[in-house]
């Protein structure tokens, strides 16, 4: 798998650590965009992958067996010396809508297996009142499929 997927500031930890990845990277990317919409600033930033990983750790907390089950036994992970930090996400977004903070807290988890699914996101409180007819009209206009 290529490590050169996704714009740098939206890359999930598993990509930065050169581990296998799947659709959970898209959930992470959505969380980055949602967080950026709330503050008009990128959630994570860094000019290199290592600096970005440091930024992720400073907000999401340390990457270890407590936050990502089994990660410390991974041979690729053992090559990294990562800083330790407490999870700081809730402090950064404390002035945002409670439902959005709750959603970000479930999306921006370093362990991809712990992130919520797209169905969970669609069924979250922030999308409670969305009009699927609008999405269907857009899908028809641009000829892509929207799944309910």
Protein backbone atom coordinates (compact mmCIF):
# COMPACT_ATOMS: atom_id res chain seq x y z
CA UNK A 1 0.00 0.00 0.00
CA UNK A 2 1.19 3.46 -0.82
CA UNK A 3 1.95 5.87 2.03
CA UNK A 4 1.39 8.76 -0.40
CA UNK A 5 -2.38 8.80 -0.23
CA UNK A 6 -4.47 11.61 1.22
CA UNK A 7 -3.33 15.22 1.59
CA UNK A 8 -0.73 15.35 4.38
CA UNK A 9 -2.77 17.20 7.03
CA UNK A 10 -5.66 14.74 6.64
CA UNK A 11 -3.63 11.51 6.80
CA UNK A 12 -4.63 9.00 9.43
CA UNK A 13 -2.06 7.66 11.92
CA UNK A 14 -2.01 4.23 10.26
CA UNK A 15 -0.81 5.81 7.00
CA UNK A 16 1.84 7.89 8.77
CA UNK A 17 3.09 4.78 10.57
CA UNK A 18 3.23 2.89 7.25
CA UNK A 19 0.73 0.29 8.47
CA UNK A 20 -2.06 -1.31 6.48
CA UNK A 21 -5.13 0.84 6.08
CA UNK A 22 -8.71 0.65 4.87
CA UNK A 23 -11.87 2.78 4.72
CA UNK A 24 -11.26 4.06 8.27
CA UNK A 25 -8.82 6.58 6.78
CA UNK A 26 -11.82 8.27 5.16
CA UNK A 27 -13.57 8.51 8.52
CA UNK A 28 -10.41 10.15 9.92
CA UNK A 29 -10.31 12.58 6.97
CA UNK A 30 -13.94 13.52 7.55
CA UNK A 31 -13.12 14.23 11.21
CA UNK A 32 -10.26 16.48 10.14
CA UNK A 33 -12.55 18.42 7.81
CA UNK A 34 -15.33 18.68 10.41
CA UNK A 35 -12.88 19.96 13.02
CA UNK A 36 -11.48 22.47 10.56
CA UNK A 37 -14.98 23.73 9.77
CA UNK A 38 -15.52 24.39 13.47
CA UNK A 39 -12.41 26.52 14.00
CA UNK A 40 -11.35 27.51 10.45
CA UNK A 41 -7.94 26.03 11.30
CA UNK A 42 -6.53 22.61 10.42
CA UNK A 43 -6.96 20.13 13.26
CA UNK A 44 -3.47 18.75 12.68
CA UNK A 45 -0.59 20.33 10.85
CA UNK A 46 3.01 19.60 10.12
CA UNK A 47 5.37 20.09 7.21
CA UNK A 48 6.54 16.46 7.39
CA UNK A 49 4.92 13.16 8.31
CA UNK A 50 6.82 13.05 11.62
CA UNK A 51 5.74 16.59 12.55
CA UNK A 52 2.17 15.70 11.63
CA UNK A 53 2.34 12.58 13.80
CA UNK A 54 3.57 14.76 16.68
CA UNK A 55 0.61 17.09 16.08
CA UNK A 56 -1.83 14.15 16.13
CA UNK A 57 -0.33 12.81 19.36
CA UNK A 58 -0.49 16.24 21.02
CA UNK A 59 -4.25 16.33 20.38
CA UNK A 60 -5.36 12.69 20.33
CA UNK A 61 -2.95 11.39 22.95
CA UNK A 62 -0.17 8.83 23.00
CA UNK A 63 -0.13 5.88 20.66
CA UNK A 64 0.33 2.76 22.78
CA UNK A 65 -1.46 -0.48 23.65
CA UNK A 66 -3.93 1.44 25.80
CA UNK A 67 -5.07 3.64 22.89
CA UNK A 68 -4.50 1.14 20.06
CA UNK A 69 -4.77 -2.50 21.05
CA UNK A 70 -1.70 -4.52 20.04
CA UNK A 71 0.17 -1.64 18.39
CA UNK A 72 3.29 -2.03 20.54
CA UNK A 73 3.78 -5.56 19.19
CA UNK A 74 3.71 -4.35 15.57
CA UNK A 75 7.19 -4.58 14.02
CA UNK A 76 6.74 -1.42 11.94
CA UNK A 77 5.52 0.52 14.98
CA UNK A 78 8.59 -0.56 16.99
CA UNK A 79 10.77 1.50 14.63
CA UNK A 80 9.21 4.75 15.87
CA UNK A 81 10.05 6.71 19.01
CA UNK A 82 6.92 8.72 19.59
CA UNK A 83 6.24 11.38 22.22
CA UNK A 84 3.78 10.76 25.04
CA UNK A 85 0.80 13.04 25.57
CA UNK A 86 -2.65 13.17 27.13
CA UNK A 87 -5.72 13.36 24.90
CA UNK A 88 -6.45 17.07 24.42
CA UNK A 89 -9.21 17.04 21.80
CA UNK A 90 -12.06 18.04 24.11
CA UNK A 91 -10.14 21.09 25.37
CA UNK A 92 -9.50 22.34 21.85
CA UNK A 93 -13.14 22.15 20.82
CA UNK A 94 -14.73 23.06 24.17
CA UNK A 95 -16.53 26.08 22.66
CA UNK A 96 -18.11 24.09 19.83
CA UNK A 97 -21.50 22.44 19.68
CA UNK A 98 -21.71 19.50 22.11
CA UNK A 99 -22.95 17.08 19.43
CA UNK A 100 -20.06 17.98 17.13
CA UNK A 101 -17.54 17.55 19.96
CA UNK A 102 -19.07 14.15 20.71
CA UNK A 103 -18.78 13.14 17.06
CA UNK A 104 -15.17 14.34 16.75
CA UNK A 105 -14.31 12.43 19.92
CA UNK A 106 -15.57 9.21 18.29
CA UNK A 107 -13.91 9.85 14.93
CA UNK A 108 -10.44 11.14 15.81
CA UNK A 109 -9.19 8.02 17.56
CA UNK A 110 -5.70 6.77 16.74
CA UNK A 111 -6.88 3.14 16.58
CA UNK A 112 -8.77 2.77 13.29
CA UNK A 113 -10.80 -0.15 14.65
CA UNK A 114 -12.24 2.12 17.37
CA UNK A 115 -13.46 4.87 15.02
CA UNK A 116 -17.18 5.03 14.40
CA UNK A 117 -18.57 3.99 11.03
CA UNK A 118 -20.10 6.10 8.30
CA UNK A 119 -23.52 4.77 9.34
CA UNK A 120 -22.87 5.99 12.88
CA UNK A 121 -21.92 9.40 11.50
CA UNK A 122 -25.00 9.66 9.29
CA UNK A 123 -27.19 8.64 12.23
CA UNK A 124 -25.53 11.08 14.64
CA UNK A 125 -27.38 14.08 16.05
CA UNK A 126 -25.70 16.56 13.70
CA UNK A 127 -27.40 14.91 10.71
CA UNK A 128 -30.77 14.38 12.42
CA UNK A 129 -32.59 16.93 10.31
CA UNK A 130 -30.90 16.54 6.95
CA UNK A 131 -33.11 16.26 3.88
CA UNK A 132 -32.18 13.21 1.79
CA UNK A 133 -34.14 14.66 -1.14
CA UNK A 134 -31.52 17.41 -1.46
CA UNK A 135 -28.75 14.80 -1.63
CA UNK A 136 -30.71 12.83 -4.24
CA UNK A 137 -31.18 15.92 -6.45
CA UNK A 138 -27.46 16.68 -6.27
CA UNK A 139 -26.64 13.05 -7.05
CA UNK A 140 -28.93 13.13 -10.10
CA UNK A 141 -27.44 16.39 -11.36
CA UNK A 142 -23.86 15.15 -11.09
CA UNK A 143 -24.65 11.53 -12.00
CA UNK A 144 -23.34 9.83 -8.90
CA UNK A 145 -25.10 7.43 -6.61
CA UNK A 146 -26.24 8.50 -3.15
CA UNK A 147 -27.08 5.65 -0.82
CA UNK A 148 -29.58 6.11 2.00
